[in-house]
Amino acid sequence: MGRKLFFWIKAVLIAFIAMLLVRTFAFTSCTIPFSGMENSLYRGDCVIVNKWSYGLRTPLMAWFSYHRWGKCHVRKGDIAVFNNPCPANPQLPADKREVFISRCMGLPGDTLMLAFPQLDMTPSLILSPDYKSLYAYHKDNEDALLQAMRQLHIENNELVGFADSAFIRSFSHYEIYLLRQKMGQAVRFHSLQHTDKENIHPFVVPRKGMKIGIYPWNIRLIHDAINCHEHEKAEIKGDTLFINGHPATSYSFSDNYYWMVSNNAINRNDSRQFGFVPESHLIGKAVFVWFSKDPDAGWFDGYRWNRFLHLVK
């Protein structure tokens, strides 16, 4: 009897240790706390998170600081799981903070066109570098425009139509921003869609070692990122950012950062609220829904398999 009891205690202990190792070094489970990721993930869903998707982050960061083994790149569109970059208690180590989940829309070095002031608008307009809109311009400016496009390496912008004396091409908001900066008033572009607003400005997602200019429309984001993650003191006085007591017009970041968004534009539990997400806060990628309250979430009707494919694509 004693030998049998010892066998079962040993088996339970081994199973517990194995589960703990898997949870720490391979996979973990996360419950979706809000509705911002619908229609990809629903509130109450439980998802499996692959901790090796972006490289395994060292556990117990309070003891061992931040390291990552087998580092892999985040892909735009990934549904990423990460720790809160702006918690109520900033003294908590990153791995002890609450867990968030959002879709990555900005990689380190990307330029996003965001509504300004982006933290005050509901919902903020977030446009990726690939988002295209239609613009008309006078046909007499065609040669000058083509020359500017070659110099700026703007490609795959073929003519899509013409009206009266105007030509029509599709440009991303960032491309049109570059063209307007270069050509000034020499060419006047007219947006044919309502998404082209005057309060849209370029926001660069910080990349390690990259120097980013400080402007009225990004000063708050830069200020918050420096204070929260760069271990330096930043302060805004008037329209100037002071870093460690000195006025600054640019800043070089020491980490890679990401811009995370909710599927639901009205739900603000994303980078519009907490700013850039540093690489050190990434946990992994959501890969499988193992429990859902959705009534359509049957086990054998392909529902979960389809959602699995949607998450990992």
Protein backbone atom coordinates (compact mmCIF):
# COMPACT_ATOMS: atom_id res chain seq x y z
CA MET A 1 0.00 0.00 0.00
CA GLY A 2 2.81 2.38 0.95
CA ARG A 3 4.68 1.64 -2.28
CA LYS A 4 1.54 2.24 -4.35
CA LEU A 5 0.88 5.56 -2.61
CA PHE A 6 4.48 6.60 -3.19
CA PHE A 7 4.12 5.72 -6.89
CA TRP A 8 1.04 7.92 -7.28
CA ILE A 9 2.59 10.81 -5.36
CA LYS A 10 5.65 10.58 -7.58
CA ALA A 11 3.49 10.47 -10.75
CA VAL A 12 1.47 13.52 -9.67
CA LEU A 13 4.65 15.39 -8.76
CA ILE A 14 6.27 14.60 -12.13
CA ALA A 15 3.10 15.66 -13.97
CA PHE A 16 2.98 18.90 -12.00
CA ILE A 17 6.63 19.69 -12.73
CA ALA A 18 6.14 18.84 -16.42
CA MET A 19 3.09 21.12 -16.61
CA LEU A 20 5.01 23.90 -14.85
CA LEU A 21 7.93 23.56 -17.29
CA VAL A 22 5.60 23.60 -20.31
CA ARG A 23 3.77 26.66 -18.97
CA THR A 24 7.04 28.46 -18.22
CA PHE A 25 9.05 27.56 -21.31
CA ALA A 26 6.62 26.62 -24.09
CA PHE A 27 2.90 27.43 -23.92
CA THR A 28 0.51 29.22 -21.61
CA SER A 29 -3.19 30.04 -21.58
CA CYS A 30 -4.75 33.50 -21.68
CA THR A 31 -8.38 34.56 -21.17
CA ILE A 32 -9.65 37.46 -23.31
CA PRO A 33 -10.84 40.12 -20.80
CA PHE A 34 -12.52 42.57 -23.21
CA SER A 35 -14.35 42.75 -26.52
CA GLY A 36 -11.77 44.75 -28.47
CA MET A 37 -10.57 41.79 -30.58
CA GLU A 38 -13.96 40.76 -31.98
CA ASN A 39 -14.48 39.24 -34.59
CA SER A 40 -11.19 37.35 -34.23
CA LEU A 41 -11.41 36.68 -30.50
CA TYR A 42 -14.35 37.12 -28.17
CA ARG A 43 -14.59 38.20 -24.57
CA GLY A 44 -14.20 35.12 -22.37
CA ASP A 45 -12.31 33.10 -24.99
CA CYS A 46 -9.35 31.12 -23.69
CA VAL A 47 -6.41 30.96 -26.07
CA ILE A 48 -3.13 29.06 -26.16
CA VAL A 49 -0.09 31.33 -26.43
CA ASN A 50 3.12 30.09 -28.05
CA LYS A 51 5.98 31.59 -26.02
CA TRP A 52 8.53 30.67 -28.70
CA SER A 53 6.81 32.66 -31.45
CA TYR A 54 9.10 35.65 -30.86
CA GLY A 55 11.77 33.83 -28.87
CA LEU A 56 11.48 32.68 -25.27
CA ARG A 57 11.65 35.52 -22.78
CA THR A 58 13.64 34.85 -19.63
CA PRO A 59 11.26 34.12 -16.73
CA LEU A 60 11.67 35.79 -13.34
CA MET A 61 12.78 39.08 -14.86
CA ALA A 62 13.16 40.65 -11.41
CA TRP A 63 16.08 38.27 -10.81
CA PHE A 64 17.56 37.71 -14.26
CA SER A 65 16.59 40.98 -16.06
CA TYR A 66 15.49 40.79 -19.71
CA HIS A 67 16.89 38.27 -22.18
CA ARG A 68 15.30 36.43 -25.10
CA TRP A 69 16.38 33.05 -26.50
CA GLY A 70 15.85 32.14 -30.14
CA LYS A 71 14.60 35.61 -31.05
CA CYS A 72 12.12 35.70 -33.95
CA HIS A 73 10.47 38.61 -35.74
CA VAL A 74 6.92 39.76 -35.10
CA ARG A 75 4.83 39.87 -38.27
CA LYS A 76 2.40 42.67 -39.01
CA GLY A 77 -1.11 41.40 -38.28
CA ASP A 78 -0.03 38.95 -35.57
CA ILE A 79 -2.35 38.70 -32.58
CA ALA A 80 0.28 39.21 -29.90
CA VAL A 81 0.11 38.70 -26.14
CA PHE A 82 2.12 41.11 -24.01
CA ASN A 83 2.37 42.63 -20.56
CA ASN A 84 0.80 45.99 -19.79
CA PRO A 85 3.40 48.62 -20.79
CA CYS A 86 1.77 51.28 -18.60
CA PRO A 87 0.61 49.68 -15.30
CA ALA A 88 -0.64 51.47 -12.20
CA ASN A 89 2.51 50.32 -10.40
CA PRO A 90 5.47 50.96 -12.74
CA GLN A 91 7.87 49.29 -10.28
CA LEU A 92 6.48 45.84 -11.15
CA PRO A 93 8.77 43.72 -13.37
CA ALA A 94 7.32 43.35 -16.88
CA ASP A 95 6.48 39.65 -16.45
CA LYS A 96 4.43 40.38 -13.31
CA ARG A 97 2.12 42.90 -14.98
CA GLU A 98 -1.35 42.15 -16.31
CA VAL A 99 -1.59 40.50 -19.71
CA PHE A 100 -3.04 42.23 -22.79
CA ILE A 101 -3.77 40.92 -26.28
CA SER A 102 -3.97 42.99 -29.48
CA ARG A 103 -3.11 42.91 -33.16
CA CYS A 104 0.31 44.25 -34.18
CA MET A 105 -0.09 46.99 -36.81
CA GLY A 106 3.24 48.79 -36.47
CA LEU A 107 6.70 47.17 -36.49
CA PRO A 108 9.94 48.85 -35.36
CA GLY A 109 10.84 51.52 -37.92
CA ASP A 110 7.37 51.65 -39.52
CA THR A 111 5.72 55.00 -40.11
CA LEU A 112 2.00 55.11 -39.33
CA MET A 113 -0.29 57.96 -40.19
CA LEU A 114 -2.35 58.73 -37.09
CA ALA A 115 -5.02 61.29 -36.28
CA PHE A 116 -3.73 64.13 -34.12
CA PRO A 117 -4.03 64.44 -31.23
CA GLN A 118 -4.17 60.64 -31.35
CA LEU A 119 -4.75 60.12 -27.63
CA ASP A 120 -7.82 62.37 -27.53
CA MET A 121 -9.87 61.24 -30.54
CA THR A 122 -12.59 58.58 -30.31
CA PRO A 123 -11.97 56.59 -32.31
CA SER A 124 -8.50 57.56 -33.53
CA LEU A 125 -7.84 57.04 -37.21
CA ILE A 126 -4.96 54.59 -37.60
CA LEU A 127 -3.59 54.06 -41.09
CA SER A 128 -0.78 51.65 -41.88
CA PRO A 129 1.91 52.49 -44.46
CA ASP A 130 0.10 50.21 -46.93
CA TYR A 131 -3.32 51.88 -46.66
CA LYS A 132 -4.15 53.41 -50.07
CA SER A 133 -6.41 56.31 -51.02
CA LEU A 134 -7.20 57.87 -54.40
CA TYR A 135 -5.74 61.29 -55.28
CA ALA A 136 -6.29 63.51 -58.33
CA TYR A 137 -3.79 66.01 -59.73
CA HIS A 138 -3.49 68.10 -62.89
CA LYS A 139 -2.23 66.15 -65.89
CA ASP A 140 0.39 68.84 -66.64
CA ASN A 141 2.19 67.79 -63.45
CA GLU A 142 2.62 64.17 -64.58
CA ASP A 143 6.32 64.39 -65.52
CA ALA A 144 7.30 66.22 -62.33
CA LEU A 145 5.35 63.71 -60.25
CA LEU A 146 6.96 60.70 -61.92
CA GLN A 147 10.42 62.18 -61.31
CA ALA A 148 9.61 62.76 -57.62
CA MET A 149 8.26 59.22 -57.29
CA ARG A 150 11.49 57.80 -58.70
CA GLN A 151 13.58 59.88 -56.30
CA LEU A 152 11.46 58.79 -53.32
CA HIS A 153 11.38 55.13 -54.49
CA ILE A 154 7.57 55.15 -54.65
CA GLU A 155 6.55 52.26 -56.88
CA ASN A 156 3.46 50.32 -58.02
CA ASN A 157 1.31 53.47 -58.23
CA GLU A 158 -0.10 53.10 -61.75
CA LEU A 159 -2.72 55.46 -63.16
CA VAL A 160 -6.17 54.22 -62.17
CA GLY A 161 -8.24 56.78 -64.09
CA PHE A 162 -8.66 60.32 -65.31
CA ALA A 163 -11.35 63.02 -65.17
CA ASP A 164 -11.37 66.19 -67.28
CA SER A 165 -7.80 67.50 -67.00
CA ALA A 166 -6.91 65.43 -63.94
CA PHE A 167 -5.07 62.13 -63.52
CA ILE A 168 -5.88 59.78 -60.66
CA ARG A 169 -3.42 57.57 -58.77
CA SER A 170 -3.57 55.66 -55.48
CA PHE A 171 -1.09 56.58 -52.76
CA SER A 172 -0.73 55.62 -49.13
CA HIS A 173 -1.01 58.45 -46.62
CA TYR A 174 2.70 58.19 -45.98
CA GLU A 175 3.54 58.35 -49.70
CA ILE A 176 1.36 61.42 -50.18
CA TYR A 177 3.00 62.97 -47.12
CA LEU A 178 6.47 62.43 -48.68
CA LEU A 179 5.33 63.83 -52.05
CA ARG A 180 3.80 66.93 -50.48
CA GLN A 181 6.97 67.52 -48.46
CA LYS A 182 9.14 67.24 -51.56
CA MET A 183 6.99 69.05 -54.12
CA GLY A 184 5.41 71.72 -51.96
CA GLN A 185 2.84 73.75 -53.91
CA ALA A 186 4.20 72.65 -57.31
CA VAL A 187 1.65 69.84 -57.42
CA ARG A 188 -1.70 70.01 -55.67
CA PHE A 189 -3.22 66.67 -54.71
CA HIS A 190 -6.95 66.36 -54.10
CA SER A 191 -8.19 63.40 -52.11
CA LEU A 192 -11.17 61.58 -53.58
CA GLN A 193 -11.94 59.93 -50.24
CA HIS A 194 -12.96 61.35 -46.89
CA THR A 195 -10.14 59.66 -44.98
CA ASP A 196 -7.62 62.33 -46.00
CA LYS A 197 -7.77 64.71 -43.02
CA GLU A 198 -5.51 67.64 -42.28
CA ASN A 199 -4.87 66.41 -38.74
CA ILE A 200 -3.18 63.18 -39.86
CA HIS A 201 0.55 63.11 -39.12
CA PRO A 202 3.38 60.56 -39.40
CA PHE A 203 4.22 58.60 -36.25
CA VAL A 204 7.43 56.54 -36.42
CA VAL A 205 7.42 53.34 -34.36
CA PRO A 206 10.80 53.34 -32.54
CA ARG A 207 13.49 50.90 -33.63
CA LYS A 208 16.58 50.19 -31.53
CA GLY A 209 19.26 52.78 -32.27
CA MET A 210 16.92 54.79 -34.49
CA LYS A 211 16.86 58.59 -34.01
CA ILE A 212 13.30 59.91 -34.07
CA GLY A 213 12.41 63.57 -34.45
CA ILE A 214 10.20 65.15 -31.79
CA TYR A 215 7.17 67.09 -33.06
CA PRO A 216 3.98 68.47 -31.49
CA TRP A 217 2.01 65.45 -32.68
CA ASN A 218 4.35 62.78 -31.19
CA ILE A 219 5.84 64.57 -28.20
CA ARG A 220 3.46 62.94 -25.71
CA LEU A 221 4.15 59.43 -27.02
CA ILE A 222 7.91 59.99 -26.99
CA HIS A 223 7.70 61.47 -23.48
CA ASP A 224 5.74 58.49 -22.14
CA ALA A 225 7.99 55.89 -23.80
CA ILE A 226 11.15 57.48 -22.39
CA ASN A 227 9.77 57.75 -18.85
CA CYS A 228 8.24 54.25 -18.80
CA HIS A 229 10.84 52.19 -20.65
CA GLU A 230 14.07 54.04 -21.45
CA HIS A 231 15.17 54.63 -17.83
CA GLU A 232 15.62 58.35 -18.41
CA LYS A 233 13.65 61.35 -17.22
CA ALA A 234 11.59 63.27 -19.74
CA GLU A 235 9.48 66.36 -19.11
CA ILE A 236 7.33 68.51 -21.38
CA LYS A 237 7.62 72.27 -20.89
CA GLY A 238 5.47 74.24 -23.29
CA ASP A 239 6.12 72.72 -26.70
CA THR A 240 9.61 71.41 -25.84
CA LEU A 241 10.67 68.01 -24.54
CA PHE A 242 13.43 68.04 -21.95
CA ILE A 243 15.39 64.80 -21.46
CA ASN A 244 17.48 64.65 -18.28
CA GLY A 245 17.07 68.41 -18.03
CA HIS A 246 18.21 69.22 -21.58
CA PRO A 247 15.95 70.32 -24.48
CA ALA A 248 15.76 67.70 -27.22
CA THR A 249 14.64 67.74 -30.85
CA SER A 250 15.22 64.00 -31.38
CA TYR A 251 15.82 60.83 -29.41
CA SER A 252 17.54 57.48 -30.09
CA PHE A 253 15.72 54.53 -28.52
CA SER A 254 17.47 51.58 -26.87
CA ASP A 255 14.76 48.98 -27.61
CA ASN A 256 12.43 47.91 -30.40
CA TYR A 257 8.80 48.95 -30.03
CA TYR A 258 5.45 47.92 -31.54
CA TRP A 259 2.08 49.56 -32.17
CA MET A 260 -0.85 47.37 -31.08
CA VAL A 261 -4.48 47.94 -32.06
CA SER A 262 -7.86 46.44 -31.24
CA ASN A 263 -10.09 45.05 -33.98
CA ASN A 264 -12.83 47.31 -32.62
CA ALA A 265 -11.81 50.92 -33.35
CA ILE A 266 -14.01 52.25 -30.51
CA ASN A 267 -12.38 50.00 -27.89
CA ARG A 268 -9.36 52.05 -26.79
CA ASN A 269 -7.55 49.34 -24.82
CA ASP A 270 -4.62 49.44 -27.24
CA SER A 271 -1.65 51.65 -28.15
CA ARG A 272 -3.92 54.70 -28.39
CA GLN A 273 -4.21 54.38 -24.62
CA PHE A 274 -0.92 52.85 -23.42
CA GLY A 275 1.43 53.92 -26.22
CA PHE A 276 4.27 51.93 -27.76
CA VAL A 277 4.85 48.36 -26.56
CA PRO A 278 8.54 47.53 -25.98
CA GLU A 279 9.94 44.23 -27.21
CA SER A 280 10.78 43.24 -23.64
CA HIS A 281 7.03 43.09 -22.87
CA LEU A 282 6.15 40.58 -25.63
CA ILE A 283 5.09 37.16 -24.32
CA GLY A 284 4.13 35.33 -27.52
CA LYS A 285 1.53 34.83 -30.21
CA ALA A 286 -2.04 33.57 -29.74
CA VAL A 287 -2.34 30.37 -31.81
CA PHE A 288 -5.44 28.43 -30.71
CA VAL A 289 -8.83 29.00 -29.05
CA TRP A 290 -9.30 26.10 -26.62
CA PHE A 291 -12.44 27.41 -24.92
CA SER A 292 -15.11 29.82 -26.09
CA LYS A 293 -18.51 30.96 -24.82
CA ASP A 294 -19.58 31.57 -28.39
CA PRO A 295 -22.55 29.23 -29.14
CA ASP A 296 -21.04 28.42 -32.55
CA ALA A 297 -17.84 27.10 -30.99
CA GLY A 298 -18.42 23.40 -31.56
CA TRP A 299 -15.54 20.96 -31.36
CA PHE A 300 -16.17 19.06 -34.58
CA ASP A 301 -17.71 21.57 -37.00
CA GLY A 302 -14.48 23.19 -38.13
CA TYR A 303 -15.12 26.36 -36.12
CA ARG A 304 -12.02 26.05 -33.94
CA TRP A 305 -9.88 24.88 -36.83
CA ASN A 306 -10.89 27.93 -38.88
CA ARG A 307 -10.10 30.25 -36.00
CA PHE A 308 -6.76 28.48 -35.50
CA LEU A 309 -5.88 29.13 -39.15
CA HIS A 310 -7.02 32.74 -38.76
CA LEU A 311 -4.71 33.25 -35.79
CA VAL A 312 -1.59 31.64 -37.21
CA LYS A 313 -1.76 32.90 -40.82
